Amino acid sequence: MVRVSRIGIVSQVLFQETTDIIQKILSVEESSSVSFFLNPELYDFLAKIKPLHSFQKESLENMNVDCIVSIGGDGTILRIARTRPDIPILSINKGRKGFMTEIEPKDVTTSFSNFLSGKFNIEEHKRIEAVINGHSLGSAINEILITSVDLLKPIDFRVLVDSEFISSSLADGIIVATAIGSTGHCLSSGGCVLDPLLDTFEISWINPINLAVRPIILGSSRDIKIRCATRINPIKIVIDGQISLEYDPPIEISFRSSKETVKFFRSRSFMARLRQHFNPEIRE
């Protein structure tokens, strides 16, 4: 059982629906004993509508809180987790698919009441880190994408696992995803959904010319290297869609488990979230 007394609220979605969600949070009886901190953009937006006696303005970087409530989609969650990996996230979906999110807007009052009553658990997941020549490029919660700056020019990829060559092809790109990230871009590119309890990574190809290559699931302790070469264009490495880096080919990228993790407050099982997103018409 986890209880909180200081909560940050972060949102990049500044609409009437955001105001409605915050009103529902305040309507929960237990919320009167909680200190709330809003990111400056959200605070200023709400201040134009009503007095904010219940909130304090604080940047995400400086929030001293037990939990951060994310109002938005997966992009908002990724921004929060990248900036404050030390704080668990409770996510309210105001994006599109929002697979990482936990609470739908219509359920905010009931779910937030349960949250303040300590009925949520913390779920922790590993990140994946990309390394070139011993230098870390950063870690991803979902995935690391390798592609060409010119999307019409394929890259010659060679994949090695524990120093053994396993596959190669010209392709538009390769995705290396975590288990929790397997439900995103990786899935759309032909990968599969991984149980987040598995300590694994998934390699998925984007439009390979060699049709024999297929996604592969590997233990996170494996030594994974991908060699990339093109004739002309720089290679682009995109981390969680948030950071984009360019390198002149040829390059070799190594992948390993990061020391950083991401933590979520959860009330539903992974299977329940799968059912909601892929078969929403099916009820328990």
C-alpha atoms as a PDB file:
ATOM      1  CA  MET A   1       0.000   0.000   0.000  1.00  0.00           C
ATOM      2  CA  VAL A   2       1.446   3.339  -1.112  1.00  0.00           C
ATOM      3  CA  ARG A   3       0.092   6.655   0.158  1.00  0.00           C
ATOM      4  CA  VAL A   4       1.134  10.111  -1.010  1.00  0.00           C
ATOM      5  CA  SER A   5       0.907  13.612   0.471  1.00  0.00           C
ATOM      6  CA  ARG A   6       2.644  15.747  -2.178  1.00  0.00           C
ATOM      7  CA  ILE A   7       1.507  15.442  -5.796  1.00  0.00           C
ATOM      8  CA  GLY A   8       2.756  17.164  -8.930  1.00  0.00           C
ATOM      9  CA  ILE A   9       0.407  17.598 -11.881  1.00  0.00           C
ATOM     10  CA  VAL A  10       1.921  18.014 -15.350  1.00  0.00           C
ATOM     11  CA  SER A  11       0.031  18.577 -18.586  1.00  0.00           C
ATOM     12  CA  GLN A  12       0.802  19.837 -22.060  1.00  0.00           C
ATOM     13  CA  VAL A  13      -2.888  19.479 -22.951  1.00  0.00           C
ATOM     14  CA  LEU A  14      -4.367  22.881 -22.077  1.00  0.00           C
ATOM     15  CA  PHE A  15      -8.090  22.586 -22.841  1.00  0.00           C
ATOM     16  CA  GLN A  16     -11.380  22.687 -20.968  1.00  0.00           C
ATOM     17  CA  GLU A  17     -11.104  18.923 -20.485  1.00  0.00           C
ATOM     18  CA  THR A  18      -7.914  19.515 -18.476  1.00  0.00           C
ATOM     19  CA  THR A  19      -9.791  21.852 -16.155  1.00  0.00           C
ATOM     20  CA  ASP A  20     -12.573  19.276 -15.758  1.00  0.00           C
ATOM     21  CA  ILE A  21     -10.065  16.579 -14.808  1.00  0.00           C
ATOM     22  CA  ILE A  22      -8.445  18.773 -12.157  1.00  0.00           C
ATOM     23  CA  GLN A  23     -11.864  19.688 -10.755  1.00  0.00           C
ATOM     24  CA  LYS A  24     -12.573  15.967 -10.378  1.00  0.00           C
ATOM     25  CA  ILE A  25      -9.253  15.462  -8.587  1.00  0.00           C
ATOM     26  CA  LEU A  26     -10.117  18.248  -6.143  1.00  0.00           C
ATOM     27  CA  SER A  27     -13.596  16.809  -5.580  1.00  0.00           C
ATOM     28  CA  VAL A  28     -12.132  13.672  -3.983  1.00  0.00           C
ATOM     29  CA  GLU A  29     -12.531  14.035  -0.238  1.00  0.00           C
ATOM     30  CA  GLU A  30      -9.021  12.887   0.625  1.00  0.00           C
ATOM     31  CA  SER A  31      -7.475  15.494  -1.699  1.00  0.00           C
ATOM     32  CA  SER A  32      -7.857  18.181   0.987  1.00  0.00           C
ATOM     33  CA  SER A  33      -4.928  16.627   2.863  1.00  0.00           C
ATOM     34  CA  VAL A  34      -2.657  16.677  -0.214  1.00  0.00           C
ATOM     35  CA  SER A  35      -0.332  19.447  -1.439  1.00  0.00           C
ATOM     36  CA  PHE A  36      -0.550  19.957  -5.215  1.00  0.00           C
ATOM     37  CA  PHE A  37       2.114  21.430  -7.511  1.00  0.00           C
ATOM     38  CA  LEU A  38       1.434  22.403 -11.142  1.00  0.00           C
ATOM     39  CA  ASN A  39       3.912  22.900 -13.965  1.00  0.00           C
ATOM     40  CA  PRO A  40       4.025  26.624 -14.909  1.00  0.00           C
ATOM     41  CA  GLU A  41       2.176  26.318 -18.250  1.00  0.00           C
ATOM     42  CA  LEU A  42      -0.698  24.449 -16.617  1.00  0.00           C
ATOM     43  CA  TYR A  43      -0.795  26.797 -13.615  1.00  0.00           C
ATOM     44  CA  ASP A  44      -0.936  29.909 -15.799  1.00  0.00           C
ATOM     45  CA  PHE A  45      -3.645  28.364 -17.988  1.00  0.00           C
ATOM     46  CA  LEU A  46      -5.857  27.532 -15.016  1.00  0.00           C
ATOM     47  CA  ALA A  47      -5.195  30.878 -13.299  1.00  0.00           C
ATOM     48  CA  LYS A  48      -6.966  32.633 -16.183  1.00  0.00           C
ATOM     49  CA  ILE A  49     -10.106  30.655 -15.388  1.00  0.00           C
ATOM     50  CA  LYS A  50     -10.291  30.564 -11.589  1.00  0.00           C
ATOM     51  CA  PRO A  51      -8.294  31.377  -8.420  1.00  0.00           C
ATOM     52  CA  LEU A  52      -5.811  28.626  -7.561  1.00  0.00           C
ATOM     53  CA  HIS A  53      -5.753  28.544  -3.767  1.00  0.00           C
ATOM     54  CA  SER A  54      -5.180  24.788  -3.718  1.00  0.00           C
ATOM     55  CA  PHE A  55      -2.088  24.739  -5.961  1.00  0.00           C
ATOM     56  CA  GLN A  56       1.476  25.921  -6.096  1.00  0.00           C
ATOM     57  CA  LYS A  57       3.463  26.665  -9.250  1.00  0.00           C
ATOM     58  CA  GLU A  58       6.632  24.596  -9.688  1.00  0.00           C
ATOM     59  CA  SER A  59       8.725  23.425 -12.625  1.00  0.00           C
ATOM     60  CA  LEU A  60       8.870  19.701 -13.333  1.00  0.00           C
ATOM     61  CA  GLU A  61      12.617  19.749 -12.692  1.00  0.00           C
ATOM     62  CA  ASN A  62      12.159  21.151  -9.170  1.00  0.00           C
ATOM     63  CA  MET A  63       9.039  19.347  -7.973  1.00  0.00           C
ATOM     64  CA  ASN A  64       9.596  17.781  -4.538  1.00  0.00           C
ATOM     65  CA  VAL A  65       6.710  15.307  -4.664  1.00  0.00           C
ATOM     66  CA  ASP A  66       5.781  11.671  -4.016  1.00  0.00           C
ATOM     67  CA  CYS A  67       4.028  11.256  -7.357  1.00  0.00           C
ATOM     68  CA  ILE A  68       3.513  13.087 -10.632  1.00  0.00           C
ATOM     69  CA  VAL A  69       0.074  12.970 -12.255  1.00  0.00           C
ATOM     70  CA  SER A  70       0.443  13.095 -16.025  1.00  0.00           C
ATOM     71  CA  ILE A  71      -2.526  14.464 -17.989  1.00  0.00           C
ATOM     72  CA  GLY A  72      -1.996  13.688 -21.661  1.00  0.00           C
ATOM     73  CA  GLY A  73      -0.769  10.793 -23.746  1.00  0.00           C
ATOM     74  CA  ASP A  74       2.340   8.635 -23.906  1.00  0.00           C
ATOM     75  CA  GLY A  75       4.419  11.625 -25.090  1.00  0.00           C
ATOM     76  CA  THR A  76       3.714  13.512 -21.867  1.00  0.00           C
ATOM     77  CA  ILE A  77       4.623  10.440 -19.836  1.00  0.00           C
ATOM     78  CA  LEU A  78       7.920  10.052 -21.706  1.00  0.00           C
ATOM     79  CA  ARG A  79       8.807  13.707 -21.103  1.00  0.00           C
ATOM     80  CA  ILE A  80       8.119  13.388 -17.373  1.00  0.00           C
ATOM     81  CA  ALA A  81      10.016  10.116 -17.046  1.00  0.00           C
ATOM     82  CA  ARG A  82      13.016  11.494 -18.912  1.00  0.00           C
ATOM     83  CA  THR A  83      13.155  14.604 -16.723  1.00  0.00           C
ATOM     84  CA  ARG A  84      12.310  12.961 -13.375  1.00  0.00           C
ATOM     85  CA  PRO A  85      13.103   9.228 -13.465  1.00  0.00           C
ATOM     86  CA  ASP A  86      13.101   9.204  -9.659  1.00  0.00           C
ATOM     87  CA  ILE A  87       9.353   9.871  -9.244  1.00  0.00           C
ATOM     88  CA  PRO A  88       6.505   7.386  -9.942  1.00  0.00           C
ATOM     89  CA  ILE A  89       3.900   8.491 -12.486  1.00  0.00           C
ATOM     90  CA  LEU A  90       0.113   8.245 -12.297  1.00  0.00           C
ATOM     91  CA  SER A  91      -1.206   8.789 -15.811  1.00  0.00           C
ATOM     92  CA  ILE A  92      -4.578  10.132 -16.979  1.00  0.00           C
ATOM     93  CA  ASN A  93      -5.213   9.598 -20.670  1.00  0.00           C
ATOM     94  CA  LYS A  94      -5.893  12.656 -22.793  1.00  0.00           C
ATOM     95  CA  GLY A  95      -3.924  11.448 -25.802  1.00  0.00           C
ATOM     96  CA  ARG A  96      -4.898   8.957 -28.488  1.00  0.00           C
ATOM     97  CA  LYS A  97      -4.052   5.307 -27.824  1.00  0.00           C
ATOM     98  CA  GLY A  98      -2.288   5.979 -24.545  1.00  0.00           C
ATOM     99  CA  PHE A  99      -1.212   2.414 -23.839  1.00  0.00           C
ATOM    100  CA  MET A 100       1.018   3.486 -20.946  1.00  0.00           C
ATOM    101  CA  THR A 101      -1.744   5.542 -19.360  1.00  0.00           C
ATOM    102  CA  GLU A 102      -3.754   4.169 -16.444  1.00  0.00           C
ATOM    103  CA  ILE A 103      -6.933   6.237 -15.949  1.00  0.00           C
ATOM    104  CA  GLU A 104      -9.557   7.347 -18.465  1.00  0.00           C
ATOM    105  CA  PRO A 105     -11.092  10.833 -17.895  1.00  0.00           C
ATOM    106  CA  LYS A 106     -14.533   9.395 -17.103  1.00  0.00           C
ATOM    107  CA  ASP A 107     -13.012   7.342 -14.262  1.00  0.00           C
ATOM    108  CA  VAL A 108     -10.921  10.080 -12.615  1.00  0.00           C
ATOM    109  CA  THR A 109     -13.065  10.589  -9.505  1.00  0.00           C
ATOM    110  CA  THR A 110     -13.317   6.916  -8.564  1.00  0.00           C
ATOM    111  CA  SER A 111      -9.759   6.039  -9.552  1.00  0.00           C
ATOM    112  CA  PHE A 112      -8.195   9.025  -7.792  1.00  0.00           C
ATOM    113  CA  SER A 113     -10.122   8.223  -4.634  1.00  0.00           C
ATOM    114  CA  ASN A 114      -8.737   4.674  -4.744  1.00  0.00           C
ATOM    115  CA  PHE A 115      -5.267   6.069  -5.415  1.00  0.00           C
ATOM    116  CA  LEU A 116      -5.319   8.364  -2.386  1.00  0.00           C
ATOM    117  CA  SER A 117      -6.606   5.450  -0.311  1.00  0.00           C
ATOM    118  CA  GLY A 118      -3.452   3.505  -1.158  1.00  0.00           C
ATOM    119  CA  LYS A 119      -5.071   0.957  -3.481  1.00  0.00           C
ATOM    120  CA  PHE A 120      -2.549   1.412  -6.306  1.00  0.00           C
ATOM    121  CA  ASN A 121       0.783  -0.398  -6.602  1.00  0.00           C
ATOM    122  CA  ILE A 122       4.101   0.740  -8.076  1.00  0.00           C
ATOM    123  CA  GLU A 123       5.194  -1.027 -11.270  1.00  0.00           C
ATOM    124  CA  GLU A 124       8.849  -0.610 -12.285  1.00  0.00           C
ATOM    125  CA  HIS A 125      10.354  -1.235 -15.731  1.00  0.00           C
ATOM    126  CA  LYS A 126      13.845  -1.309 -17.177  1.00  0.00           C
ATOM    127  CA  ARG A 127      15.043   1.092 -19.851  1.00  0.00           C
ATOM    128  CA  ILE A 128      17.308   0.369 -22.800  1.00  0.00           C
ATOM    129  CA  GLU A 129      20.469   2.356 -23.472  1.00  0.00           C
ATOM    130  CA  ALA A 130      22.294   2.970 -26.770  1.00  0.00           C
ATOM    131  CA  VAL A 131      26.099   3.236 -26.775  1.00  0.00           C
ATOM    132  CA  ILE A 132      28.588   4.250 -29.482  1.00  0.00           C
ATOM    133  CA  ASN A 133      32.340   3.884 -28.841  1.00  0.00           C
ATOM    134  CA  GLY A 134      31.692   3.560 -25.112  1.00  0.00           C
ATOM    135  CA  HIS A 135      29.664   6.791 -25.021  1.00  0.00           C
ATOM    136  CA  SER A 136      26.037   6.558 -23.909  1.00  0.00           C
ATOM    137  CA  LEU A 137      23.545   8.298 -26.184  1.00  0.00           C
ATOM    138  CA  GLY A 138      20.776   8.065 -23.579  1.00  0.00           C
ATOM    139  CA  SER A 139      18.166   5.599 -22.411  1.00  0.00           C
ATOM    140  CA  ALA A 140      14.691   4.809 -23.725  1.00  0.00           C
ATOM    141  CA  ILE A 141      11.556   3.664 -21.951  1.00  0.00           C
ATOM    142  CA  ASN A 142       9.902   2.468 -25.155  1.00  0.00           C
ATOM    143  CA  GLU A 143      12.342   2.133 -28.021  1.00  0.00           C
ATOM    144  CA  ILE A 144      15.380   3.265 -29.938  1.00  0.00           C
ATOM    145  CA  LEU A 145      14.890   3.766 -33.678  1.00  0.00           C
ATOM    146  CA  ILE A 146      17.689   3.689 -36.247  1.00  0.00           C
ATOM    147  CA  THR A 147      16.843   5.134 -39.650  1.00  0.00           C
ATOM    148  CA  SER A 148      18.229   7.318 -42.426  1.00  0.00           C
ATOM    149  CA  VAL A 149      17.947  11.090 -42.454  1.00  0.00           C
ATOM    150  CA  ASP A 150      16.577  10.637 -45.976  1.00  0.00           C
ATOM    151  CA  LEU A 151      13.745   8.143 -45.476  1.00  0.00           C
ATOM    152  CA  LEU A 152      13.921   7.136 -49.147  1.00  0.00           C
ATOM    153  CA  LYS A 153      17.477   5.826 -48.722  1.00  0.00           C
ATOM    154  CA  PRO A 154      17.709   2.422 -46.972  1.00  0.00           C
ATOM    155  CA  ILE A 155      20.457   1.420 -44.554  1.00  0.00           C
ATOM    156  CA  ASP A 156      22.566  -1.729 -44.737  1.00  0.00           C
ATOM    157  CA  PHE A 157      22.040  -3.309 -41.288  1.00  0.00           C
ATOM    158  CA  ARG A 158      23.980  -6.191 -39.710  1.00  0.00           C
ATOM    159  CA  VAL A 159      22.779  -7.525 -36.340  1.00  0.00           C
ATOM    160  CA  LEU A 160      25.172  -9.299 -33.969  1.00  0.00           C
ATOM    161  CA  VAL A 161      24.250 -11.017 -30.696  1.00  0.00           C
ATOM    162  CA  ASP A 162      27.019 -12.079 -28.320  1.00  0.00           C
ATOM    163  CA  SER A 163      29.483 -11.335 -31.143  1.00  0.00           C
ATOM    164  CA  GLU A 164      27.712 -13.743 -33.514  1.00  0.00           C
ATOM    165  CA  PHE A 165      26.197 -12.450 -36.744  1.00  0.00           C
ATOM    166  CA  ILE A 166      22.482 -13.369 -36.916  1.00  0.00           C
ATOM    167  CA  SER A 167      20.856 -11.321 -39.708  1.00  0.00           C
ATOM    168  CA  SER A 168      21.361  -8.579 -42.260  1.00  0.00           C
ATOM    169  CA  SER A 169      19.367  -6.618 -44.806  1.00  0.00           C
ATOM    170  CA  LEU A 170      18.852  -3.296 -46.451  1.00  0.00           C
ATOM    171  CA  ALA A 171      15.908  -1.694 -44.655  1.00  0.00           C
ATOM    172  CA  ASP A 172      14.288   1.646 -43.907  1.00  0.00           C
ATOM    173  CA  GLY A 173      15.069   1.181 -40.240  1.00  0.00           C
ATOM    174  CA  ILE A 174      15.364  -1.004 -37.157  1.00  0.00           C
ATOM    175  CA  ILE A 175      13.622  -0.629 -33.800  1.00  0.00           C
ATOM    176  CA  VAL A 176      15.067  -1.979 -30.564  1.00  0.00           C
ATOM    177  CA  ALA A 177      12.281  -1.919 -27.979  1.00  0.00           C
ATOM    178  CA  THR A 178      11.817  -2.719 -24.321  1.00  0.00           C
ATOM    179  CA  ALA A 179       9.042  -5.050 -23.211  1.00  0.00           C
ATOM    180  CA  ILE A 180       6.828  -2.126 -22.210  1.00  0.00           C
ATOM    181  CA  GLY A 181       7.654  -0.401 -25.509  1.00  0.00           C
ATOM    182  CA  SER A 182       6.688  -3.424 -27.584  1.00  0.00           C
ATOM    183  CA  THR A 183       3.101  -2.137 -27.824  1.00  0.00           C
ATOM    184  CA  GLY A 184       4.147   1.026 -29.696  1.00  0.00           C
ATOM    185  CA  HIS A 185       6.053   1.649 -32.931  1.00  0.00           C
ATOM    186  CA  CYS A 186       7.586  -1.822 -32.687  1.00  0.00           C
ATOM    187  CA  LEU A 187       4.152  -3.476 -32.844  1.00  0.00           C
ATOM    188  CA  SER A 188       3.119  -1.337 -35.816  1.00  0.00           C
ATOM    189  CA  SER A 189       6.261  -2.483 -37.639  1.00  0.00           C
ATOM    190  CA  GLY A 190       5.393  -6.160 -37.329  1.00  0.00           C
ATOM    191  CA  GLY A 191       6.693  -6.939 -33.868  1.00  0.00           C
ATOM    192  CA  CYS A 192       4.774  -8.671 -31.110  1.00  0.00           C
ATOM    193  CA  VAL A 193       3.488  -7.677 -27.680  1.00  0.00           C
ATOM    194  CA  LEU A 194       5.837  -8.650 -24.843  1.00  0.00           C
ATOM    195  CA  ASP A 195       4.790  -9.294 -21.271  1.00  0.00           C
ATOM    196  CA  PRO A 196       6.490  -6.488 -19.262  1.00  0.00           C
ATOM    197  CA  LEU A 197       7.394  -9.048 -16.595  1.00  0.00           C
ATOM    198  CA  LEU A 198       9.886 -10.510 -19.084  1.00  0.00           C
ATOM    199  CA  ASP A 199      13.419  -9.142 -18.946  1.00  0.00           C
ATOM    200  CA  THR A 200      13.735  -8.855 -22.713  1.00  0.00           C
ATOM    201  CA  PHE A 201      14.325  -6.578 -25.682  1.00  0.00           C
ATOM    202  CA  GLU A 202      12.801  -6.894 -29.142  1.00  0.00           C
ATOM    203  CA  ILE A 203      14.418  -6.097 -32.498  1.00  0.00           C
ATOM    204  CA  SER A 204      11.939  -5.267 -35.244  1.00  0.00           C
ATOM    205  CA  TRP A 205      12.749  -4.349 -38.856  1.00  0.00           C
ATOM    206  CA  ILE A 206      11.084  -1.569 -40.869  1.00  0.00           C
ATOM    207  CA  ASN A 207      10.543  -2.542 -44.525  1.00  0.00           C
ATOM    208  CA  PRO A 208      13.480  -4.951 -44.944  1.00  0.00           C
ATOM    209  CA  ILE A 209      14.418  -5.965 -48.476  1.00  0.00           C
ATOM    210  CA  ASN A 210      15.398  -9.428 -47.194  1.00  0.00           C
ATOM    211  CA  LEU A 211      11.968 -10.896 -46.420  1.00  0.00           C
ATOM    212  CA  ALA A 212      13.570 -13.706 -44.421  1.00  0.00           C
ATOM    213  CA  VAL A 213      14.437 -11.399 -41.529  1.00  0.00           C
ATOM    214  CA  ARG A 214      11.853 -11.273 -38.774  1.00  0.00           C
ATOM    215  CA  PRO A 215      11.534  -9.697 -35.325  1.00  0.00           C
ATOM    216  CA  ILE A 216      13.601 -11.350 -32.634  1.00  0.00           C
ATOM    217  CA  ILE A 217      13.187 -11.330 -28.855  1.00  0.00           C
ATOM    218  CA  LEU A 218      16.372 -11.384 -26.775  1.00  0.00           C
ATOM    219  CA  GLY A 219      17.243 -11.436 -23.102  1.00  0.00           C
ATOM    220  CA  SER A 220      18.362  -8.016 -21.896  1.00  0.00           C
ATOM    221  CA  SER A 221      21.700  -9.476 -20.734  1.00  0.00           C
ATOM    222  CA  ARG A 222      22.681 -10.277 -24.336  1.00  0.00           C
ATOM    223  CA  ASP A 223      25.450  -8.288 -26.023  1.00  0.00           C
ATOM    224  CA  ILE A 224      23.479  -6.678 -28.871  1.00  0.00           C
ATOM    225  CA  LYS A 225      25.246  -4.727 -31.617  1.00  0.00           C
ATOM    226  CA  ILE A 226      23.878  -3.289 -34.845  1.00  0.00           C
ATOM    227  CA  ARG A 227      26.251  -2.177 -37.607  1.00  0.00           C
ATOM    228  CA  CYS A 228      24.887   0.454 -39.982  1.00  0.00           C
ATOM    229  CA  ALA A 229      26.203   1.627 -43.330  1.00  0.00           C
ATOM    230  CA  THR A 230      24.916   3.846 -46.141  1.00  0.00           C
ATOM    231  CA  ARG A 231      26.617   5.298 -49.190  1.00  0.00           C
ATOM    232  CA  ILE A 232      25.572   8.912 -48.746  1.00  0.00           C
ATOM    233  CA  ASN A 233      23.191   9.921 -46.001  1.00  0.00           C
ATOM    234  CA  PRO A 234      23.772  10.349 -42.277  1.00  0.00           C
ATOM    235  CA  ILE A 235      22.117   7.855 -39.945  1.00  0.00           C
ATOM    236  CA  LYS A 236      19.543   9.087 -37.445  1.00  0.00           C
ATOM    237  CA  ILE A 237      19.061   7.582 -33.983  1.00  0.00           C
ATOM    238  CA  VAL A 238      15.796   8.515 -32.267  1.00  0.00           C
ATOM    239  CA  ILE A 239      15.309   7.781 -28.560  1.00  0.00           C
ATOM    240  CA  ASP A 240      11.656   7.505 -27.482  1.00  0.00           C
ATOM    241  CA  GLY A 241      10.719  10.008 -30.180  1.00  0.00           C
ATOM    242  CA  GLN A 242      12.175  12.689 -27.879  1.00  0.00           C
ATOM    243  CA  ILE A 243      15.865  12.850 -28.794  1.00  0.00           C
ATOM    244  CA  SER A 244      17.207  12.695 -32.358  1.00  0.00           C
ATOM    245  CA  LEU A 245      20.922  12.298 -33.093  1.00  0.00           C
ATOM    246  CA  GLU A 246      22.758  12.092 -36.431  1.00  0.00           C
ATOM    247  CA  TYR A 247      25.955  10.165 -37.242  1.00  0.00           C
ATOM    248  CA  ASP A 248      27.982   9.669 -40.381  1.00  0.00           C
ATOM    249  CA  PRO A 249      28.182   6.002 -41.431  1.00  0.00           C
ATOM    250  CA  PRO A 250      29.490   3.449 -40.897  1.00  0.00           C
ATOM    251  CA  ILE A 251      28.723   3.127 -37.200  1.00  0.00           C
ATOM    252  CA  GLU A 252      28.212   0.323 -34.680  1.00  0.00           C
ATOM    253  CA  ILE A 253      25.625   0.790 -31.941  1.00  0.00           C
ATOM    254  CA  SER A 254      25.545  -1.339 -28.786  1.00  0.00           C
ATOM    255  CA  PHE A 255      22.436  -1.842 -26.658  1.00  0.00           C
ATOM    256  CA  ARG A 256      22.258  -2.664 -22.967  1.00  0.00           C
ATOM    257  CA  SER A 257      19.993  -2.346 -19.942  1.00  0.00           C
ATOM    258  CA  SER A 258      20.114   1.113 -18.431  1.00  0.00           C
ATOM    259  CA  LYS A 259      20.598   1.753 -14.733  1.00  0.00           C
ATOM    260  CA  GLU A 260      17.617   4.102 -14.953  1.00  0.00           C
ATOM    261  CA  THR A 261      14.104   2.709 -14.654  1.00  0.00           C
ATOM    262  CA  VAL A 262      10.587   4.087 -14.990  1.00  0.00           C
ATOM    263  CA  LYS A 263       7.908   3.696 -12.300  1.00  0.00           C
ATOM    264  CA  PHE A 264       4.139   3.783 -12.707  1.00  0.00           C
ATOM    265  CA  PHE A 265       1.263   3.674 -10.267  1.00  0.00           C
ATOM    266  CA  ARG A 266      -1.061   0.887 -11.424  1.00  0.00           C
ATOM    267  CA  SER A 267      -4.426  -0.469 -10.375  1.00  0.00           C
ATOM    268  CA  ARG A 268      -4.994  -2.733 -13.392  1.00  0.00           C
ATOM    269  CA  SER A 269      -3.051  -5.717 -14.659  1.00  0.00           C
ATOM    270  CA  PHE A 270      -1.160  -5.703 -17.941  1.00  0.00           C
ATOM    271  CA  MET A 271      -3.736  -8.139 -19.344  1.00  0.00           C
ATOM    272  CA  ALA A 272      -6.563  -5.760 -18.466  1.00  0.00           C
ATOM    273  CA  ARG A 273      -4.808  -2.933 -20.305  1.00  0.00           C
ATOM    274  CA  LEU A 274      -4.274  -5.195 -23.319  1.00  0.00           C
ATOM    275  CA  ARG A 275      -7.951  -6.068 -23.377  1.00  0.00           C
ATOM    276  CA  GLN A 276      -9.019  -2.440 -23.144  1.00  0.00           C
ATOM    277  CA  HIS A 277      -6.879  -1.313 -26.061  1.00  0.00           C
ATOM    278  CA  PHE A 278      -7.261  -4.271 -28.416  1.00  0.00           C
ATOM    279  CA  ASN A 279     -10.731  -5.566 -27.512  1.00  0.00           C
ATOM    280  CA  PRO A 280     -12.548  -2.704 -25.752  1.00  0.00           C
ATOM    281  CA  GLU A 281     -15.951  -4.270 -26.401  1.00  0.00           C
ATOM    282  CA  ILE A 282     -15.108  -7.287 -24.220  1.00  0.00           C
ATOM    283  CA  ARG A 283     -16.073  -6.861 -20.579  1.00  0.00           C
ATOM    284  CA  GLU A 284     -14.946  -8.850 -17.584  1.00  0.00           C
END
